[in-house]
Amino acid sequence: MRNADLRWQPGNFEKNVEAVDRLAEIAAARGSTVSQLALASILTRGEHIVPVPGTRSPRRIQEYTGAADLTLIDTEIKAIDEILPRGCFGARYTKGDVPVWI
């Protein structure tokens, strides 16, 4: 899967790693994890947006619920948007694999 995923390709991969490192600094300053920061960021986008994280671990579910208690301030939201202006570097789907939503 990673061989075809554009987010894992040279150039994009390094930018994504750097972005996660920068997000980790924001998260650490708040005493949270990067996952909690990401979910808290999504929760700021409006009531019509609902994050649905996947996991195989009950421990991760407990971690993720902590995002609901993490209230981001405007400067943090702006910093996150500057770090990842489009959510990531590299498209989620290759051109021929974009799903069609009905």
C-alpha atoms as a PDB file:
ATOM      1  CA  MET A   1       0.000   0.000   0.000  1.00  0.00           C
ATOM      2  CA  ARG A   2       2.737   2.480   0.904  1.00  0.00           C
ATOM      3  CA  ASN A   3       4.411   1.926  -2.462  1.00  0.00           C
ATOM      4  CA  ALA A   4       1.418   3.514  -4.196  1.00  0.00           C
ATOM      5  CA  ASP A   5       0.372   6.029  -1.509  1.00  0.00           C
ATOM      6  CA  LEU A   6       1.598   9.467  -2.569  1.00  0.00           C
ATOM      7  CA  ARG A   7       1.993  10.539   1.071  1.00  0.00           C
ATOM      8  CA  TRP A   8       4.800   7.976   1.462  1.00  0.00           C
ATOM      9  CA  GLN A   9       6.704   8.914  -1.686  1.00  0.00           C
ATOM     10  CA  PRO A  10      10.083  10.677  -1.565  1.00  0.00           C
ATOM     11  CA  GLY A  11       9.611  14.396  -1.074  1.00  0.00           C
ATOM     12  CA  ASN A  12       6.159  14.076   0.476  1.00  0.00           C
ATOM     13  CA  PHE A  13       7.285  11.585   3.123  1.00  0.00           C
ATOM     14  CA  GLU A  14       9.988  13.864   4.489  1.00  0.00           C
ATOM     15  CA  LYS A  15       7.617  16.847   4.569  1.00  0.00           C
ATOM     16  CA  ASN A  16       5.017  14.775   6.449  1.00  0.00           C
ATOM     17  CA  VAL A  17       7.597  13.610   8.998  1.00  0.00           C
ATOM     18  CA  GLU A  18       8.703  17.217   9.542  1.00  0.00           C
ATOM     19  CA  ALA A  19       5.061  18.285   9.955  1.00  0.00           C
ATOM     20  CA  VAL A  20       4.432  15.598  12.579  1.00  0.00           C
ATOM     21  CA  ASP A  21       7.559  16.695  14.447  1.00  0.00           C
ATOM     22  CA  ARG A  22       6.292  20.278  14.502  1.00  0.00           C
ATOM     23  CA  LEU A  23       2.827  19.141  15.611  1.00  0.00           C
ATOM     24  CA  ALA A  24       4.457  17.076  18.363  1.00  0.00           C
ATOM     25  CA  GLU A  25       5.980  20.277  19.753  1.00  0.00           C
ATOM     26  CA  ILE A  26       2.541  21.897  19.975  1.00  0.00           C
ATOM     27  CA  ALA A  27       1.066  18.752  21.522  1.00  0.00           C
ATOM     28  CA  ALA A  28       3.886  18.439  24.073  1.00  0.00           C
ATOM     29  CA  ALA A  29       3.397  22.059  25.135  1.00  0.00           C
ATOM     30  CA  ARG A  30      -0.234  21.185  25.893  1.00  0.00           C
ATOM     31  CA  GLY A  31       0.589  17.883  27.590  1.00  0.00           C
ATOM     32  CA  SER A  32      -1.210  15.939  24.885  1.00  0.00           C
ATOM     33  CA  THR A  33      -0.370  13.504  22.126  1.00  0.00           C
ATOM     34  CA  VAL A  34      -0.224  14.305  18.414  1.00  0.00           C
ATOM     35  CA  SER A  35      -3.313  12.129  17.950  1.00  0.00           C
ATOM     36  CA  GLN A  36      -5.238  14.155  20.509  1.00  0.00           C
ATOM     37  CA  LEU A  37      -4.073  17.383  18.874  1.00  0.00           C
ATOM     38  CA  ALA A  38      -5.200  16.151  15.452  1.00  0.00           C
ATOM     39  CA  LEU A  39      -8.626  15.123  16.716  1.00  0.00           C
ATOM     40  CA  ALA A  40      -9.042  18.358  18.703  1.00  0.00           C
ATOM     41  CA  SER A  41      -8.178  20.284  15.548  1.00  0.00           C
ATOM     42  CA  ILE A  42     -10.859  18.445  13.589  1.00  0.00           C
ATOM     43  CA  LEU A  43     -13.364  19.183  16.354  1.00  0.00           C
ATOM     44  CA  THR A  44     -12.780  22.928  15.790  1.00  0.00           C
ATOM     45  CA  ARG A  45     -13.973  22.710  12.177  1.00  0.00           C
ATOM     46  CA  GLY A  46     -17.664  22.802  13.018  1.00  0.00           C
ATOM     47  CA  GLU A  47     -20.423  20.599  14.340  1.00  0.00           C
ATOM     48  CA  HIS A  48     -20.985  19.129  10.879  1.00  0.00           C
ATOM     49  CA  ILE A  49     -17.494  17.549  10.964  1.00  0.00           C
ATOM     50  CA  VAL A  50     -17.076  14.441  13.115  1.00  0.00           C
ATOM     51  CA  PRO A  51     -13.735  12.647  13.395  1.00  0.00           C
ATOM     52  CA  VAL A  52     -13.956   8.869  13.307  1.00  0.00           C
ATOM     53  CA  PRO A  53     -10.592   7.495  14.403  1.00  0.00           C
ATOM     54  CA  GLY A  54      -9.820   3.862  13.845  1.00  0.00           C
ATOM     55  CA  THR A  55      -7.930   1.651  16.251  1.00  0.00           C
ATOM     56  CA  ARG A  56      -7.364  -1.907  17.338  1.00  0.00           C
ATOM     57  CA  SER A  57      -6.467  -0.957  20.863  1.00  0.00           C
ATOM     58  CA  PRO A  58      -8.672  -0.023  23.832  1.00  0.00           C
ATOM     59  CA  ARG A  59      -5.748   2.063  25.096  1.00  0.00           C
ATOM     60  CA  ARG A  60      -5.909   4.211  21.957  1.00  0.00           C
ATOM     61  CA  ILE A  61      -9.657   4.750  22.396  1.00  0.00           C
ATOM     62  CA  GLN A  62      -8.917   6.109  25.856  1.00  0.00           C
ATOM     63  CA  GLU A  63      -6.197   8.350  24.400  1.00  0.00           C
ATOM     64  CA  TYR A  64      -8.488   9.627  21.640  1.00  0.00           C
ATOM     65  CA  THR A  65     -11.291  10.572  24.033  1.00  0.00           C
ATOM     66  CA  GLY A  66      -8.839  12.985  25.669  1.00  0.00           C
ATOM     67  CA  ALA A  67      -9.115  15.144  22.550  1.00  0.00           C
ATOM     68  CA  ALA A  68     -12.600  16.212  23.612  1.00  0.00           C
ATOM     69  CA  ASP A  69     -11.055  17.900  26.677  1.00  0.00           C
ATOM     70  CA  LEU A  70      -8.364  19.691  24.647  1.00  0.00           C
ATOM     71  CA  THR A  71      -9.572  23.159  23.705  1.00  0.00           C
ATOM     72  CA  LEU A  72      -7.275  24.728  21.149  1.00  0.00           C
ATOM     73  CA  ILE A  73      -6.690  28.464  21.070  1.00  0.00           C
ATOM     74  CA  ASP A  74      -6.681  30.486  17.864  1.00  0.00           C
ATOM     75  CA  THR A  75      -2.882  30.659  17.630  1.00  0.00           C
ATOM     76  CA  GLU A  76      -2.646  26.859  17.858  1.00  0.00           C
ATOM     77  CA  ILE A  77      -5.292  26.360  15.165  1.00  0.00           C
ATOM     78  CA  LYS A  78      -3.474  28.851  12.944  1.00  0.00           C
ATOM     79  CA  ALA A  79      -0.142  27.080  13.550  1.00  0.00           C
ATOM     80  CA  ILE A  80      -1.669  23.696  12.666  1.00  0.00           C
ATOM     81  CA  ASP A  81      -3.136  25.165   9.468  1.00  0.00           C
ATOM     82  CA  GLU A  82       0.260  26.614   8.552  1.00  0.00           C
ATOM     83  CA  ILE A  83       2.057  23.324   9.227  1.00  0.00           C
ATOM     84  CA  LEU A  84      -0.422  21.277   7.178  1.00  0.00           C
ATOM     85  CA  PRO A  85      -2.390  23.672   4.960  1.00  0.00           C
ATOM     86  CA  ARG A  86      -4.045  20.801   3.031  1.00  0.00           C
ATOM     87  CA  GLY A  87      -4.005  18.112   5.701  1.00  0.00           C
ATOM     88  CA  CYS A  88      -0.843  16.403   4.437  1.00  0.00           C
ATOM     89  CA  PHE A  89       1.712  16.401   1.676  1.00  0.00           C
ATOM     90  CA  GLY A  90       0.694  14.060  -1.146  1.00  0.00           C
ATOM     91  CA  ALA A  91      -2.789  13.079  -2.190  1.00  0.00           C
ATOM     92  CA  ARG A  92      -4.702  10.403  -0.304  1.00  0.00           C
ATOM     93  CA  TYR A  93      -5.687   8.641  -3.523  1.00  0.00           C
ATOM     94  CA  THR A  94      -3.921   8.212  -6.839  1.00  0.00           C
ATOM     95  CA  LYS A  95      -5.740   9.766  -9.772  1.00  0.00           C
ATOM     96  CA  GLY A  96      -7.451   6.553 -10.879  1.00  0.00           C
ATOM     97  CA  ASP A  97      -8.439   5.447  -7.364  1.00  0.00           C
ATOM     98  CA  VAL A  98     -10.519   8.398  -6.166  1.00  0.00           C
ATOM     99  CA  PRO A  99     -13.786   7.020  -4.752  1.00  0.00           C
ATOM    100  CA  VAL A 100     -17.090   8.182  -6.161  1.00  0.00           C
ATOM    101  CA  TRP A 101     -19.485   9.248  -3.414  1.00  0.00           C
ATOM    102  CA  ILE A 102     -23.159   8.918  -4.149  1.00  0.00           C
END
